C-alpha atoms as a PDB file:
ATOM      1  CA  MET A   1     -10.203  19.102  19.541  1.00  0.00           C
ATOM      2  CA  PRO A   2     -10.269  15.582  18.192  1.00  0.00           C
ATOM      3  CA  ARG A   3      -7.265  14.222  16.256  1.00  0.00           C
ATOM      4  CA  LEU A   4      -8.845  12.543  13.247  1.00  0.00           C
ATOM      5  CA  PHE A   5      -7.943  10.646  10.110  1.00  0.00           C
ATOM      6  CA  THR A   6      -9.739   8.522   7.558  1.00  0.00           C
ATOM      7  CA  GLY A   7      -8.591   5.069   6.620  1.00  0.00           C
ATOM      8  CA  LEU A   8      -9.329   1.505   5.710  1.00  0.00           C
ATOM      9  CA  ALA A   9      -9.497  -0.890   8.653  1.00  0.00           C
ATOM     10  CA  LEU A  10      -7.772  -4.235   8.176  1.00  0.00           C
ATOM     11  CA  PRO A  11      -9.663  -7.474   8.773  1.00  0.00           C
ATOM     12  CA  PRO A  12      -8.405  -9.439  11.800  1.00  0.00           C
ATOM     13  CA  GLU A  13      -6.904 -12.240   9.674  1.00  0.00           C
ATOM     14  CA  VAL A  14      -4.788  -9.780   7.652  1.00  0.00           C
ATOM     15  CA  ALA A  15      -3.695  -7.984  10.832  1.00  0.00           C
ATOM     16  CA  ALA A  16      -2.739 -11.349  12.360  1.00  0.00           C
ATOM     17  CA  ALA A  17      -0.636 -12.233   9.315  1.00  0.00           C
ATOM     18  CA  LEU A  18       1.149  -8.857   9.461  1.00  0.00           C
ATOM     19  CA  SER A  19       1.830  -9.289  13.172  1.00  0.00           C
ATOM     20  CA  ALA A  20       4.319 -12.045  12.260  1.00  0.00           C
ATOM     21  CA  HIS A  21       6.761  -9.198  11.541  1.00  0.00           C
ATOM     22  CA  ARG A  22       6.653  -7.898  15.133  1.00  0.00           C
ATOM     23  CA  GLY A  23       9.765  -8.085  17.283  1.00  0.00           C
ATOM     24  CA  GLY A  24      13.500  -8.396  16.837  1.00  0.00           C
ATOM     25  CA  LEU A  25      14.303  -4.728  16.220  1.00  0.00           C
ATOM     26  CA  ALA A  26      15.755  -2.591  18.998  1.00  0.00           C
ATOM     27  CA  GLY A  27      14.190   0.855  19.136  1.00  0.00           C
ATOM     28  CA  ALA A  28      10.895  -0.240  17.582  1.00  0.00           C
ATOM     29  CA  ARG A  29       7.581   0.676  19.206  1.00  0.00           C
ATOM     30  CA  TRP A  30       5.264  -1.900  17.662  1.00  0.00           C
ATOM     31  CA  ILE A  31       1.733  -0.943  16.706  1.00  0.00           C
ATOM     32  CA  GLU A  32      -0.943  -3.252  18.067  1.00  0.00           C
ATOM     33  CA  PRO A  33      -2.479  -5.367  15.279  1.00  0.00           C
ATOM     34  CA  ARG A  34      -5.985  -4.162  16.193  1.00  0.00           C
ATOM     35  CA  ASP A  35      -4.795  -0.641  15.236  1.00  0.00           C
ATOM     36  CA  TYR A  36      -3.439  -1.556  11.779  1.00  0.00           C
ATOM     37  CA  HIS A  37      -5.039   0.491   8.996  1.00  0.00           C
ATOM     38  CA  VAL A  38      -4.335   2.187   5.671  1.00  0.00           C
ATOM     39  CA  THR A  39      -4.511   5.950   6.209  1.00  0.00           C
ATOM     40  CA  LEU A  40      -6.318   7.819   3.453  1.00  0.00           C
ATOM     41  CA  ARG A  41      -6.270  11.388   4.839  1.00  0.00           C
ATOM     42  CA  PHE A  42      -4.812  12.668   8.093  1.00  0.00           C
ATOM     43  CA  LEU A  43      -6.974  15.541   9.318  1.00  0.00           C
ATOM     44  CA  GLY A  44      -5.080  16.330  12.508  1.00  0.00           C
ATOM     45  CA  ASP A  45      -6.324  18.157  15.553  1.00  0.00           C
ATOM     46  CA  VAL A  46      -9.444  19.830  14.208  1.00  0.00           C
ATOM     47  CA  GLU A  47     -12.142  21.963  15.749  1.00  0.00           C
ATOM     48  CA  ARG A  48     -15.345  20.068  16.437  1.00  0.00           C
ATOM     49  CA  THR A  49     -17.251  22.125  13.840  1.00  0.00           C
ATOM     50  CA  VAL A  50     -14.694  21.226  11.144  1.00  0.00           C
ATOM     51  CA  ALA A  51     -14.917  17.558  12.144  1.00  0.00           C
ATOM     52  CA  GLU A  52     -18.708  17.675  11.895  1.00  0.00           C
ATOM     53  CA  ASP A  53     -18.542  19.393   8.499  1.00  0.00           C
ATOM     54  CA  PHE A  54     -16.113  16.767   7.235  1.00  0.00           C
ATOM     55  CA  LEU A  55     -18.317  13.920   8.494  1.00  0.00           C
ATOM     56  CA  ASP A  56     -21.290  15.477   6.694  1.00  0.00           C
ATOM     57  CA  LEU A  57     -19.262  15.735   3.491  1.00  0.00           C
ATOM     58  CA  LEU A  58     -18.238  12.067   3.758  1.00  0.00           C
ATOM     59  CA  GLY A  59     -21.898  11.245   3.316  1.00  0.00           C
ATOM     60  CA  GLU A  60     -21.567  12.739  -0.178  1.00  0.00           C
ATOM     61  CA  MET A  61     -18.834  10.312  -1.251  1.00  0.00           C
ATOM     62  CA  ARG A  62     -19.337   8.884  -4.720  1.00  0.00           C
ATOM     63  CA  GLN A  63     -20.925   5.466  -4.870  1.00  0.00           C
ATOM     64  CA  ARG A  64     -18.320   2.801  -5.549  1.00  0.00           C
ATOM     65  CA  GLY A  65     -18.043  -0.924  -5.270  1.00  0.00           C
ATOM     66  CA  PRO A  66     -15.818  -2.841  -2.876  1.00  0.00           C
ATOM     67  CA  LEU A  67     -12.107  -2.118  -3.218  1.00  0.00           C
ATOM     68  CA  THR A  68      -9.423  -4.807  -3.290  1.00  0.00           C
ATOM     69  CA  VAL A  69      -6.400  -3.764  -1.236  1.00  0.00           C
ATOM     70  CA  THR A  70      -3.127  -5.672  -1.670  1.00  0.00           C
ATOM     71  CA  LEU A  71      -0.195  -5.518   0.741  1.00  0.00           C
ATOM     72  CA  ASP A  72       3.124  -6.674  -0.630  1.00  0.00           C
ATOM     73  CA  GLY A  73       6.479  -6.297   1.060  1.00  0.00           C
ATOM     74  CA  LEU A  74       7.989  -4.236   3.832  1.00  0.00           C
ATOM     75  CA  GLY A  75       9.577  -0.813   3.751  1.00  0.00           C
ATOM     76  CA  VAL A  76      10.875   1.945   5.956  1.00  0.00           C
ATOM     77  CA  PHE A  77      10.270   5.685   6.018  1.00  0.00           C
ATOM     78  CA  GLY A  78      13.154   7.957   6.921  1.00  0.00           C
ATOM     79  CA  GLY A  79      16.177   6.624   5.026  1.00  0.00           C
ATOM     80  CA  ASP A  80      19.281   7.453   7.091  1.00  0.00           C
ATOM     81  CA  LYS A  81      17.041   8.373  10.033  1.00  0.00           C
ATOM     82  CA  PRO A  82      14.468   5.557   9.986  1.00  0.00           C
ATOM     83  CA  ARG A  83      11.215   6.542  11.679  1.00  0.00           C
ATOM     84  CA  ALA A  84       8.648   3.906  10.674  1.00  0.00           C
ATOM     85  CA  LEU A  85       8.552   0.304   9.470  1.00  0.00           C
ATOM     86  CA  TYR A  86       5.588  -0.450   7.222  1.00  0.00           C
ATOM     87  CA  ALA A  87       3.836  -2.976   5.015  1.00  0.00           C
ATOM     88  CA  ALA A  88       3.569  -1.553   1.506  1.00  0.00           C
ATOM     89  CA  VAL A  89       0.134  -1.262  -0.089  1.00  0.00           C
ATOM     90  CA  HIS A  90      -0.175  -1.507  -3.865  1.00  0.00           C
ATOM     91  CA  PRO A  91      -1.336   1.921  -5.098  1.00  0.00           C
ATOM     92  CA  GLY A  92      -4.014   0.704  -7.486  1.00  0.00           C
ATOM     93  CA  PRO A  93      -6.147   3.204  -9.390  1.00  0.00           C
ATOM     94  CA  ASP A  94      -9.251   2.583  -7.235  1.00  0.00           C
ATOM     95  CA  LEU A  95      -7.304   3.233  -4.033  1.00  0.00           C
ATOM     96  CA  LEU A  96      -5.713   6.376  -5.485  1.00  0.00           C
ATOM     97  CA  ASP A  97      -9.134   7.617  -6.600  1.00  0.00           C
ATOM     98  CA  LEU A  98     -10.576   7.038  -3.114  1.00  0.00           C
ATOM     99  CA  GLN A  99      -7.689   8.882  -1.491  1.00  0.00           C
ATOM    100  CA  ALA A 100      -8.017  11.807  -3.919  1.00  0.00           C
ATOM    101  CA  GLU A 101     -11.695  12.051  -3.034  1.00  0.00           C
ATOM    102  CA  GLN A 102     -10.813  12.133   0.681  1.00  0.00           C
ATOM    103  CA  GLU A 103      -8.419  14.999  -0.058  1.00  0.00           C
ATOM    104  CA  ARG A 104     -11.112  16.953  -1.956  1.00  0.00           C
ATOM    105  CA  LEU A 105     -13.622  16.477   0.872  1.00  0.00           C
ATOM    106  CA  ALA A 106     -11.068  17.575   3.484  1.00  0.00           C
ATOM    107  CA  ARG A 107     -10.399  20.770   1.530  1.00  0.00           C
ATOM    108  CA  ARG A 108     -14.128  21.443   1.184  1.00  0.00           C
ATOM    109  CA  ALA A 109     -14.371  21.142   4.971  1.00  0.00           C
ATOM    110  CA  GLY A 110     -11.777  23.904   5.264  1.00  0.00           C
ATOM    111  CA  LEU A 111      -8.619  21.891   5.902  1.00  0.00           C
ATOM    112  CA  ALA A 112      -5.294  22.853   4.358  1.00  0.00           C
ATOM    113  CA  PRO A 113      -4.077  20.713   1.450  1.00  0.00           C
ATOM    114  CA  GLU A 114      -1.952  17.700   2.333  1.00  0.00           C
ATOM    115  CA  THR A 115       1.638  18.477   1.405  1.00  0.00           C
ATOM    116  CA  ARG A 116       3.007  14.930   1.512  1.00  0.00           C
ATOM    117  CA  ARG A 117       2.672  12.556  -1.422  1.00  0.00           C
ATOM    118  CA  PHE A 118       0.260   9.702  -0.725  1.00  0.00           C
ATOM    119  CA  THR A 119       2.211   6.502  -0.088  1.00  0.00           C
ATOM    120  CA  PRO A 120      -0.304   3.825   0.888  1.00  0.00           C
ATOM    121  CA  HIS A 121       0.990   1.645   3.708  1.00  0.00           C
ATOM    122  CA  VAL A 122       0.237   0.006   7.039  1.00  0.00           C
ATOM    123  CA  THR A 123       2.542   1.217   9.806  1.00  0.00           C
ATOM    124  CA  LEU A 124       3.880  -1.743  11.778  1.00  0.00           C
ATOM    125  CA  ALA A 125       6.282   0.097  14.110  1.00  0.00           C
ATOM    126  CA  ARG A 126       7.427   3.599  14.986  1.00  0.00           C
ATOM    127  CA  LEU A 127      11.213   3.722  15.239  1.00  0.00           C
ATOM    128  CA  ARG A 128      13.262   5.519  17.852  1.00  0.00           C
ATOM    129  CA  ARG A 129      16.883   6.649  17.480  1.00  0.00           C
ATOM    130  CA  GLU A 130      18.143   3.279  18.710  1.00  0.00           C
ATOM    131  CA  ALA A 131      16.860   1.768  15.456  1.00  0.00           C
ATOM    132  CA  SER A 132      19.911   2.481  13.317  1.00  0.00           C
ATOM    133  CA  PRO A 133      19.718   2.283   9.530  1.00  0.00           C
ATOM    134  CA  GLU A 134      21.941  -0.808   9.679  1.00  0.00           C
ATOM    135  CA  ALA A 135      19.708  -2.550  12.230  1.00  0.00           C
ATOM    136  CA  VAL A 136      16.600  -1.726  10.191  1.00  0.00           C
ATOM    137  CA  ALA A 137      18.232  -3.010   6.986  1.00  0.00           C
ATOM    138  CA  MET A 138      19.193  -6.221   8.797  1.00  0.00           C
ATOM    139  CA  ALA A 139      15.652  -6.668  10.152  1.00  0.00           C
ATOM    140  CA  LEU A 140      14.174  -6.152   6.682  1.00  0.00           C
ATOM    141  CA  SER A 141      16.592  -8.633   5.127  1.00  0.00           C
ATOM    142  CA  GLN A 142      15.719 -11.243   7.765  1.00  0.00           C
ATOM    143  CA  ALA A 143      11.962 -10.665   7.726  1.00  0.00           C
ATOM    144  CA  PRO A 144       9.907 -13.722   6.827  1.00  0.00           C
ATOM    145  CA  VAL A 145       8.940 -13.780   3.187  1.00  0.00           C
ATOM    146  CA  SER A 146       5.195 -13.987   2.832  1.00  0.00           C
ATOM    147  CA  PRO A 147       2.940 -13.915  -0.196  1.00  0.00           C
ATOM    148  CA  PRO A 148       0.981 -10.723  -0.895  1.00  0.00           C
ATOM    149  CA  LEU A 149      -2.020 -10.235   1.378  1.00  0.00           C
ATOM    150  CA  SER A 150      -5.293  -8.951  -0.031  1.00  0.00           C
ATOM    151  CA  PHE A 151      -8.562  -7.904   1.509  1.00  0.00           C
ATOM    152  CA  THR A 152     -11.753  -6.254   0.367  1.00  0.00           C
ATOM    153  CA  ALA A 153     -12.573  -2.825   1.769  1.00  0.00           C
ATOM    154  CA  GLU A 154     -16.215  -1.793   1.739  1.00  0.00           C
ATOM    155  CA  ARG A 155     -16.112   1.378   3.810  1.00  0.00           C
ATOM    156  CA  VAL A 156     -14.049   4.334   4.944  1.00  0.00           C
ATOM    157  CA  THR A 157     -13.542   4.584   8.681  1.00  0.00           C
ATOM    158  CA  VAL A 158     -13.025   7.857  10.512  1.00  0.00           C
ATOM    159  CA  PHE A 159     -10.589   7.188  13.334  1.00  0.00           C
ATOM    160  CA  SER A 160      -9.676   9.310  16.326  1.00  0.00           C
ATOM    161  CA  ALA A 161      -6.395   9.135  18.170  1.00  0.00           C
ATOM    162  CA  ARG A 162      -5.337  10.374  21.531  1.00  0.00           C
ATOM    163  CA  GLU A 163      -2.615  12.992  21.587  1.00  0.00           C
ATOM    164  CA  SER A 164       0.629  11.064  21.580  1.00  0.00           C
ATOM    165  CA  THR A 165       3.555  10.238  19.367  1.00  0.00           C
ATOM    166  CA  GLY A 166       1.323   8.146  17.115  1.00  0.00           C
ATOM    167  CA  GLY A 167       0.586   4.476  16.993  1.00  0.00           C
ATOM    168  CA  GLY A 168      -2.754   4.145  18.722  1.00  0.00           C
ATOM    169  CA  PRO A 169      -4.911   3.208  20.303  1.00  0.00           C
ATOM    170  CA  TYR A 170      -7.367   4.330  17.667  1.00  0.00           C
ATOM    171  CA  LEU A 171     -11.116   4.563  18.001  1.00  0.00           C
ATOM    172  CA  ALA A 172     -13.503   4.171  15.056  1.00  0.00           C
ATOM    173  CA  GLU A 173     -15.712   7.261  15.258  1.00  0.00           C
ATOM    174  CA  ALA A 174     -17.740   6.659  12.078  1.00  0.00           C
ATOM    175  CA  GLU A 175     -17.917   4.295   9.131  1.00  0.00           C
ATOM    176  CA  VAL A 176     -19.115   5.325   5.698  1.00  0.00           C
ATOM    177  CA  PRO A 177     -19.930   2.446   3.314  1.00  0.00           C
ATOM    178  CA  PHE A 178     -18.922   2.730  -0.332  1.00  0.00           C
ATOM    179  CA  ALA A 179     -22.322   1.799  -1.750  1.00  0.00           C
END
């Protein structure tokens, strides 16, 4: 069963700029810049027939123009038990519409509804227990300040991941252009 998700791949220059935040945090398992992406819909470990149905349905995506994606600031998931450091993505209406369409297509393919609220982001590091809330807060306060980063997305990528604790490497299985 492949472990699949849809997302927006980051251009190399944006990934390189985000990689400036790597390092300096004990307990962080840093994601390789080539694996940076904005997840739209995590499908999980799905049967091959479900994966094929979903890929067919992606071909029915509404026509849309290129999408501007803006990354601005850093954040952490997990609060008192930090589990991931991320670059925040502005949840513009076009991005939210694209994600909602991915959710509808996943349901049509027979997948259960996503229970988590969509928080667009680029995961920079997975955090282990050694990454205390205090250490994470210190790292965030000392992170280099950079202007917002923007890029133009023109396609949805279907990624596969090996079974692991997350973080790549990811393989682009298919790309579906917007127009």
